C-alpha atoms as a PDB file:
ATOM      1  CA  MET A   1      21.289 -15.069  16.236  1.00  0.00           C
ATOM      2  CA  TYR A   2      23.481 -15.821  13.271  1.00  0.00           C
ATOM      3  CA  ILE A   3      25.965 -18.737  13.248  1.00  0.00           C
ATOM      4  CA  THR A   4      29.091 -17.903  11.295  1.00  0.00           C
ATOM      5  CA  ASN A   5      30.421 -21.398  10.767  1.00  0.00           C
ATOM      6  CA  TRP A   6      28.662 -23.663   8.465  1.00  0.00           C
ATOM      7  CA  GLU A   7      29.547 -27.058  10.255  1.00  0.00           C
ATOM      8  CA  GLU A   8      28.026 -25.635  13.347  1.00  0.00           C
ATOM      9  CA  PHE A   9      24.941 -24.395  11.524  1.00  0.00           C
ATOM     10  CA  GLN A  10      24.363 -27.684   9.921  1.00  0.00           C
ATOM     11  CA  LYS A  11      24.979 -29.717  13.090  1.00  0.00           C
ATOM     12  CA  ALA A  12      22.669 -27.244  14.938  1.00  0.00           C
ATOM     13  CA  VAL A  13      19.957 -27.601  12.182  1.00  0.00           C
ATOM     14  CA  GLU A  14      20.088 -31.442  12.170  1.00  0.00           C
ATOM     15  CA  ASP A  15      19.901 -31.574  15.915  1.00  0.00           C
ATOM     16  CA  LEU A  16      16.984 -29.121  15.978  1.00  0.00           C
ATOM     17  CA  TYR A  17      15.014 -31.094  13.347  1.00  0.00           C
ATOM     18  CA  ILE A  18      15.670 -34.517  15.045  1.00  0.00           C
ATOM     19  CA  ALA A  19      14.396 -33.125  18.413  1.00  0.00           C
ATOM     20  CA  SER A  20      11.104 -31.809  16.879  1.00  0.00           C
ATOM     21  CA  PRO A  21      10.451 -32.786  13.304  1.00  0.00           C
ATOM     22  CA  GLU A  22       6.943 -31.961  13.299  1.00  0.00           C
ATOM     23  CA  LEU A  23       7.278 -28.354  14.441  1.00  0.00           C
ATOM     24  CA  THR A  24      10.580 -27.374  12.599  1.00  0.00           C
ATOM     25  CA  ARG A  25      10.369 -24.981   9.821  1.00  0.00           C
ATOM     26  CA  TYR A  26      13.133 -24.277   7.253  1.00  0.00           C
ATOM     27  CA  VAL A  27      13.310 -21.050   5.171  1.00  0.00           C
ATOM     28  CA  HIS A  28      15.636 -19.548   2.794  1.00  0.00           C
ATOM     29  CA  THR A  29      15.797 -16.085   1.437  1.00  0.00           C
ATOM     30  CA  PHE A  30      17.725 -14.511  -1.226  1.00  0.00           C
ATOM     31  CA  HIS A  31      18.182 -10.701  -1.130  1.00  0.00           C
ATOM     32  CA  ARG A  32      19.106  -9.781  -4.570  1.00  0.00           C
ATOM     33  CA  SER A  33      20.288  -6.231  -3.905  1.00  0.00           C
ATOM     34  CA  ASP A  34      22.916  -7.520  -1.349  1.00  0.00           C
ATOM     35  CA  GLY A  35      23.448 -10.849  -3.038  1.00  0.00           C
ATOM     36  CA  ASP A  36      22.968 -12.400   0.375  1.00  0.00           C
ATOM     37  CA  LEU A  37      21.533 -15.814   1.198  1.00  0.00           C
ATOM     38  CA  VAL A  38      19.754 -16.082   4.580  1.00  0.00           C
ATOM     39  CA  LEU A  39      18.807 -19.607   5.839  1.00  0.00           C
ATOM     40  CA  LYS A  40      16.547 -19.659   8.977  1.00  0.00           C
ATOM     41  CA  VAL A  41      15.470 -22.987  10.812  1.00  0.00           C
ATOM     42  CA  THR A  42      13.159 -22.646  13.678  1.00  0.00           C
ATOM     43  CA  ASP A  43      10.827 -24.642  15.861  1.00  0.00           C
ATOM     44  CA  ASP A  44       9.107 -21.451  17.491  1.00  0.00           C
ATOM     45  CA  ARG A  45      11.421 -21.575  20.415  1.00  0.00           C
ATOM     46  CA  THR A  46      14.796 -21.797  18.885  1.00  0.00           C
ATOM     47  CA  ASN A  47      15.946 -19.737  15.799  1.00  0.00           C
ATOM     48  CA  ILE A  48      19.064 -20.700  13.882  1.00  0.00           C
ATOM     49  CA  LYS A  49      20.206 -18.499  11.062  1.00  0.00           C
ATOM     50  CA  TYR A  50      23.117 -18.354   8.682  1.00  0.00           C
ATOM     51  CA  LYS A  51      23.821 -15.521   6.228  1.00  0.00           C
ATOM     52  CA  THR A  52      26.363 -15.682   3.223  1.00  0.00           C
ATOM     53  CA  ASN A  53      27.129 -13.975   0.206  1.00  0.00           C
ATOM     54  CA  GLN A  54      29.710 -16.514  -1.071  1.00  0.00           C
ATOM     55  CA  MET A  55      29.214 -18.626  -4.198  1.00  0.00           C
ATOM     56  CA  THR A  56      30.932 -21.364  -2.648  1.00  0.00           C
ATOM     57  CA  ASP A  57      28.364 -21.826   0.154  1.00  0.00           C
ATOM     58  CA  LEU A  58      25.727 -22.602  -2.493  1.00  0.00           C
ATOM     59  CA  LYS A  59      26.839 -26.244  -2.718  1.00  0.00           C
ATOM     60  CA  LYS A  60      26.629 -26.521   0.963  1.00  0.00           C
ATOM     61  CA  PHE A  61      23.079 -24.974   0.870  1.00  0.00           C
ATOM     62  CA  ILE A  62      21.988 -27.774  -1.700  1.00  0.00           C
ATOM     63  CA  ASN A  63      23.639 -30.465   0.336  1.00  0.00           C
ATOM     64  CA  LEU A  64      21.793 -29.205   3.521  1.00  0.00           C
ATOM     65  CA  ASN A  65      18.515 -29.484   1.375  1.00  0.00           C
ATOM     66  CA  ASN A  66      19.306 -33.004   0.396  1.00  0.00           C
ATOM     67  CA  VAL A  67      20.099 -33.926   3.977  1.00  0.00           C
ATOM     68  CA  LEU A  68      16.841 -32.474   5.333  1.00  0.00           C
ATOM     69  CA  MET A  69      14.811 -33.954   2.624  1.00  0.00           C
ATOM     70  CA  LEU A  70      16.108 -37.379   3.300  1.00  0.00           C
ATOM     71  CA  LYS A  71      15.586 -37.072   7.056  1.00  0.00           C
ATOM     72  CA  MET A  72      11.967 -36.010   6.232  1.00  0.00           C
ATOM     73  CA  MET A  73      11.597 -39.212   4.153  1.00  0.00           C
ATOM     74  CA  ASN A  74      13.252 -41.296   7.073  1.00  0.00           C
ATOM     75  CA  LYS A  75      16.199 -42.187   4.782  1.00  0.00           C
ATOM     76  CA  GLU A  76      19.931 -42.262   5.256  1.00  0.00           C
ATOM     77  CA  MET A  77      22.102 -40.544   2.722  1.00  0.00           C
ATOM     78  CA  ALA A  78      23.745 -43.179   0.395  1.00  0.00           C
ATOM     79  CA  ASP A  79      26.106 -42.397  -2.620  1.00  0.00           C
ATOM     80  CA  GLU A  80      23.383 -42.854  -5.057  1.00  0.00           C
ATOM     81  CA  ASP A  81      21.488 -40.125  -3.584  1.00  0.00           C
ATOM     82  CA  THR A  82      24.037 -37.592  -4.663  1.00  0.00           C
ATOM     83  CA  VAL A  83      22.426 -35.216  -6.972  1.00  0.00           C
ATOM     84  CA  ILE A  84      24.078 -34.746 -10.142  1.00  0.00           C
ATOM     85  CA  PRO A  85      22.238 -32.177 -12.376  1.00  0.00           C
ATOM     86  CA  ASP A  86      21.018 -33.650 -15.836  1.00  0.00           C
ATOM     87  CA  ALA A  87      22.027 -37.275 -14.964  1.00  0.00           C
ATOM     88  CA  VAL A  88      19.715 -40.097 -15.968  1.00  0.00           C
ATOM     89  CA  PRO A  89      19.910 -43.371 -13.707  1.00  0.00           C
ATOM     90  CA  VAL A  90      21.229 -46.455 -15.640  1.00  0.00           C
ATOM     91  CA  ALA A  91      17.829 -48.273 -14.902  1.00  0.00           C
ATOM     92  CA  VAL A  92      15.919 -45.369 -16.393  1.00  0.00           C
ATOM     93  CA  LYS A  93      18.221 -45.276 -19.521  1.00  0.00           C
ATOM     94  CA  SER A  94      17.624 -48.900 -20.214  1.00  0.00           C
ATOM     95  CA  ALA A  95      13.813 -48.439 -19.839  1.00  0.00           C
ATOM     96  CA  ILE A  96      13.588 -45.632 -22.358  1.00  0.00           C
ATOM     97  CA  PRO A  97      13.373 -47.041 -25.827  1.00  0.00           C
ATOM     98  CA  GLU A  98      15.946 -45.520 -28.363  1.00  0.00           C
ATOM     99  CA  VAL A  99      14.290 -43.239 -30.803  1.00  0.00           C
ATOM    100  CA  LYS A 100      15.739 -42.827 -34.294  1.00  0.00           C
ATOM    101  CA  THR A 101      15.457 -39.537 -36.022  1.00  0.00           C
ATOM    102  CA  VAL A 102      14.564 -39.276 -39.670  1.00  0.00           C
ATOM    103  CA  SER A 103      15.380 -36.242 -41.637  1.00  0.00           C
ATOM    104  CA  SER A 104      12.490 -34.747 -43.609  1.00  0.00           C
ATOM    105  CA  PRO A 105      13.210 -34.076 -47.429  1.00  0.00           C
ATOM    106  CA  LYS A 106      13.594 -30.431 -48.311  1.00  0.00           C
ATOM    107  CA  GLN A 107      10.480 -28.795 -48.807  1.00  0.00           C
ATOM    108  CA  THR A 108      10.169 -26.313 -51.764  1.00  0.00           C
ATOM    109  CA  PRO A 109       8.660 -22.935 -51.075  1.00  0.00           C
ATOM    110  CA  LYS A 110       4.939 -22.751 -51.704  1.00  0.00           C
ATOM    111  CA  SER A 111       3.857 -20.593 -54.557  1.00  0.00           C
ATOM    112  CA  LYS A 112       1.669 -17.470 -53.779  1.00  0.00           C
ATOM    113  CA  LYS A 113      -1.938 -18.211 -54.312  1.00  0.00           C
ATOM    114  CA  GLY A 114      -4.032 -15.792 -56.054  1.00  0.00           C
ATOM    115  CA  LYS A 115      -4.868 -14.121 -59.333  1.00  0.00           C
ATOM    116  CA  LYS A 116      -2.153 -14.492 -61.916  1.00  0.00           C
ATOM    117  CA  ARG A 117      -1.115 -11.442 -63.899  1.00  0.00           C
ATOM    118  CA  ARG A 118      -0.595 -11.319 -67.486  1.00  0.00           C
END
């Protein structure tokens, strides 16, 4: 059974996970030929599926992954849990020593070794 509304799908997935966290499995499959992303969540009694081929649903998919991971770690989602690609936290930046680059002098091409011709 495919759910067509994303909000219903996400609510059903979260409820299913809360009801049986040790039995719940989450699988995502990408069909390259069709460009379809299929998400399936099951606890062996209930199957919940969502199918999309829209690029806009990719952010929703990433957000669902974050929400489920936080639930698996028994944490609540906070503002600092928002994933920003290529971002380094401020605490980490202050711990990283600043590295100064030194340019190397130009190297001259090496001469060919071997017998000299006269």
